[in-house]
């Protein structure tokens, strides 16, 4: 009984490791994509901030 439980535990660990290895390139691609878009997003946020500063009511 313990041997069967150990086999299934080991099999589960191997399957999860395999899935992680398949997901790793996708994870790296997402990190790279986000890093490449960061300057563009920063420029857009700066533009939005400037527009909001222009249209903000002054007291």
N, C-alpha and C. Protein backbone atom coordinates (compact mmCIF):
# COMPACT_ATOMS: atom_id res chain seq x y z
N UNK A 1 0.82 -1.20 0.00
CA UNK A 1 0.00 0.00 0.00
C UNK A 1 0.87 1.27 0.00
N UNK A 2 1.87 1.27 0.85
CA UNK A 2 2.77 2.43 0.92
C UNK A 2 3.55 2.58 -0.38
N UNK A 3 3.91 1.45 -0.97
CA UNK A 3 4.65 1.50 -2.22
C UNK A 3 3.82 2.12 -3.34
N UNK A 4 2.54 1.78 -3.39
CA UNK A 4 1.65 2.33 -4.42
C UNK A 4 1.46 3.83 -4.19
N UNK A 5 1.32 4.23 -2.93
CA UNK A 5 1.17 5.65 -2.62
C UNK A 5 2.42 6.42 -3.02
N UNK A 6 3.58 5.85 -2.77
CA UNK A 6 4.84 6.48 -3.14
C UNK A 6 4.96 6.60 -4.66
N UNK A 7 4.54 5.58 -5.38
CA UNK A 7 4.60 5.63 -6.84
C UNK A 7 3.70 6.72 -7.39
N UNK A 8 2.48 6.83 -6.86
CA UNK A 8 1.56 7.86 -7.35
C UNK A 8 2.05 9.26 -6.98
N UNK A 9 2.65 9.39 -5.82
CA UNK A 9 3.20 10.68 -5.42
C UNK A 9 4.34 11.07 -6.33
N UNK A 10 5.21 10.14 -6.63
CA UNK A 10 6.32 10.40 -7.53
C UNK A 10 5.82 10.72 -8.94
N UNK A 11 4.83 9.99 -9.40
CA UNK A 11 4.26 10.23 -10.73
C UNK A 11 3.64 11.63 -10.79
N UNK A 12 2.94 12.02 -9.73
CA UNK A 12 2.34 13.35 -9.68
C UNK A 12 3.43 14.43 -9.72
N UNK A 13 4.50 14.22 -8.98
CA UNK A 13 5.60 15.19 -8.98
C UNK A 13 6.23 15.31 -10.36
N UNK A 14 6.41 14.20 -11.04
CA UNK A 14 7.00 14.23 -12.39
C UNK A 14 6.07 14.94 -13.37
N UNK A 15 4.79 14.67 -13.28
CA UNK A 15 3.83 15.31 -14.19
C UNK A 15 3.80 16.82 -13.94
N UNK A 16 3.77 17.23 -12.68
CA UNK A 16 3.75 18.66 -12.38
C UNK A 16 5.04 19.34 -12.82
N UNK A 17 6.15 18.67 -12.68
CA UNK A 17 7.43 19.23 -13.16
C UNK A 17 7.41 19.38 -14.68
N UNK A 18 6.86 18.41 -15.36
CA UNK A 18 6.76 18.49 -16.82
C UNK A 18 5.87 19.63 -17.26
N UNK A 19 4.76 19.82 -16.56
CA UNK A 19 3.88 20.93 -16.90
C UNK A 19 4.56 22.27 -16.65
N UNK A 20 5.34 22.34 -15.57
CA UNK A 20 6.06 23.57 -15.27
C UNK A 20 7.08 23.86 -16.37
N UNK A 21 7.76 22.82 -16.84
CA UNK A 21 8.73 23.03 -17.92
C UNK A 21 8.07 23.47 -19.21
N UNK A 22 6.85 23.00 -19.46
CA UNK A 22 6.13 23.45 -20.64
C UNK A 22 5.67 24.91 -20.49
N UNK A 23 5.36 25.33 -19.27
CA UNK A 23 4.86 26.67 -19.03
C UNK A 23 5.99 27.70 -18.95
N UNK A 24 7.19 27.27 -18.67
CA UNK A 24 8.32 28.18 -18.48
C UNK A 24 8.56 29.10 -19.68
N UNK A 25 8.58 28.62 -20.92
CA UNK A 25 8.78 29.55 -22.05
C UNK A 25 7.67 30.60 -22.16
N UNK A 26 6.45 30.22 -21.83
CA UNK A 26 5.34 31.17 -21.87
C UNK A 26 5.55 32.25 -20.81
N UNK A 27 5.99 31.84 -19.63
CA UNK A 27 6.24 32.78 -18.53
C UNK A 27 7.36 33.75 -18.91
N UNK A 28 8.43 33.25 -19.51
CA UNK A 28 9.54 34.11 -19.92
C UNK A 28 9.09 35.06 -21.02
N UNK A 29 8.27 34.58 -21.95
CA UNK A 29 7.76 35.44 -23.02
C UNK A 29 6.90 36.56 -22.45
N UNK A 30 6.06 36.25 -21.46
CA UNK A 30 5.21 37.28 -20.84
C UNK A 30 6.07 38.33 -20.14
N UNK A 31 7.10 37.90 -19.43
CA UNK A 31 8.00 38.85 -18.77
C UNK A 31 8.69 39.75 -19.79
N UNK A 32 9.15 39.17 -20.89
CA UNK A 32 9.83 39.94 -21.94
C UNK A 32 8.87 40.93 -22.58
N UNK A 33 7.67 40.49 -22.89
CA UNK A 33 6.67 41.36 -23.51
C UNK A 33 6.36 42.55 -22.61
N UNK A 34 6.17 42.29 -21.32
CA UNK A 34 5.86 43.37 -20.39
C UNK A 34 7.04 44.34 -20.25
N UNK A 35 8.24 43.81 -20.27
CA UNK A 35 9.41 44.68 -20.17
C UNK A 35 9.55 45.56 -21.41
N UNK A 36 9.20 45.04 -22.56
CA UNK A 36 9.29 45.84 -23.78
C UNK A 36 8.20 46.90 -23.86
N UNK A 37 7.04 46.64 -23.23
CA UNK A 37 5.95 47.60 -23.28
C UNK A 37 6.03 48.65 -22.17
N UNK A 38 6.91 48.46 -21.21
CA UNK A 38 6.98 49.38 -20.06
C UNK A 38 7.25 50.83 -20.46
N UNK A 39 8.22 51.13 -21.34
CA UNK A 39 8.45 52.54 -21.71
C UNK A 39 7.24 53.17 -22.40
N UNK A 40 6.57 52.40 -23.24
CA UNK A 40 5.39 52.92 -23.93
C UNK A 40 4.28 53.22 -22.91
N UNK A 41 4.09 52.31 -21.96
CA UNK A 41 3.07 52.55 -20.94
C UNK A 41 3.42 53.75 -20.06
N UNK A 42 4.68 53.91 -19.75
CA UNK A 42 5.10 55.06 -18.94
C UNK A 42 4.84 56.36 -19.68
N UNK A 43 5.10 56.38 -20.99
CA UNK A 43 4.85 57.59 -21.78
C UNK A 43 3.35 57.90 -21.84
N UNK A 44 2.54 56.85 -22.01
CA UNK A 44 1.09 57.06 -22.03
C UNK A 44 0.59 57.59 -20.70
N UNK A 45 1.10 57.04 -19.61
CA UNK A 45 0.68 57.52 -18.29
C UNK A 45 1.12 58.96 -18.05
N UNK A 46 2.29 59.32 -18.52
CA UNK A 46 2.76 60.70 -18.38
C UNK A 46 1.87 61.65 -19.18
N UNK A 47 1.48 61.23 -20.37
CA UNK A 47 0.59 62.06 -21.19
C UNK A 47 -0.77 62.23 -20.52
N UNK A 48 -1.30 61.15 -19.98
CA UNK A 48 -2.58 61.22 -19.28
C UNK A 48 -2.47 62.12 -18.05
N UNK A 49 -1.38 61.99 -17.33
CA UNK A 49 -1.16 62.82 -16.14
C UNK A 49 -1.10 64.30 -16.52
N UNK A 50 -0.43 64.61 -17.63
CA UNK A 50 -0.35 66.00 -18.07
C UNK A 50 -1.73 66.52 -18.49
N UNK A 51 -2.52 65.70 -19.17
CA UNK A 51 -3.87 66.13 -19.55
C UNK A 51 -4.74 66.35 -18.33
N UNK A 52 -4.61 65.48 -17.34
CA UNK A 52 -5.40 65.67 -16.12
C UNK A 52 -4.97 66.91 -15.36
N UNK A 53 -3.68 67.19 -15.37
CA UNK A 53 -3.19 68.39 -14.68
C UNK A 53 -3.72 69.65 -15.37
N UNK A 54 -3.84 69.62 -16.70
CA UNK A 54 -4.35 70.78 -17.43
C UNK A 54 -5.83 71.00 -17.17
N UNK A 55 -6.56 69.92 -17.03
CA UNK A 55 -8.02 70.04 -16.91
C UNK A 55 -8.50 70.03 -15.47
N UNK A 56 -7.60 69.89 -14.53
CA UNK A 56 -7.99 69.85 -13.11
C UNK A 56 -8.47 71.23 -12.67
N UNK A 57 -9.55 71.25 -11.92
CA UNK A 57 -10.01 72.56 -11.44
C UNK A 57 -9.07 73.12 -10.38
N UNK A 58 -8.86 74.41 -10.43
CA UNK A 58 -7.99 75.05 -9.44
C UNK A 58 -8.87 75.73 -8.40
N UNK A 59 -8.45 75.71 -7.16
CA UNK A 59 -9.27 76.31 -6.10
C UNK A 59 -8.66 77.59 -5.60
